[in-house]
Amino acid sequence: MIYQIWKKKNKLAHHVWHLDETYIKV
């Protein structure tokens, strides 16, 4: 259960990081 939550949070953080990277690029 904890692992699933961590995995979900990690995925969300990665998505936000990617979005931020794109924003900085533009």
Protein backbone atom coordinates (compact mmCIF):
# COMPACT_ATOMS: atom_id res chain seq x y z
CA MET A 1 0.00 0.00 0.00
CA ILE A 2 2.73 2.46 0.96
CA TYR A 3 4.72 1.43 -2.10
CA GLN A 4 1.73 2.13 -4.36
CA ILE A 5 1.28 5.59 -2.87
CA TRP A 6 5.01 6.31 -3.27
CA LYS A 7 4.89 5.11 -6.85
CA LYS A 8 1.91 7.37 -7.55
CA LYS A 9 3.58 10.36 -5.90
CA ASN A 10 6.80 9.68 -7.78
CA LYS A 11 4.89 9.55 -11.07
CA LEU A 12 3.16 12.82 -10.26
CA ALA A 13 6.44 14.48 -9.28
CA HIS A 14 8.04 13.28 -12.52
CA HIS A 15 5.14 14.71 -14.53
CA VAL A 16 5.43 18.06 -12.77
CA TRP A 17 9.21 18.06 -13.31
CA HIS A 18 8.77 17.36 -17.00
CA LEU A 19 6.17 20.10 -17.29
CA ASP A 20 8.47 22.52 -15.48
CA GLU A 21 11.34 21.58 -17.79
CA THR A 22 9.18 22.29 -20.84
CA TYR A 23 8.13 25.63 -19.36
CA ILE A 24 11.76 26.61 -18.78
CA LYS A 25 12.68 25.55 -22.31
CA VAL A 26 10.00 27.77 -23.78
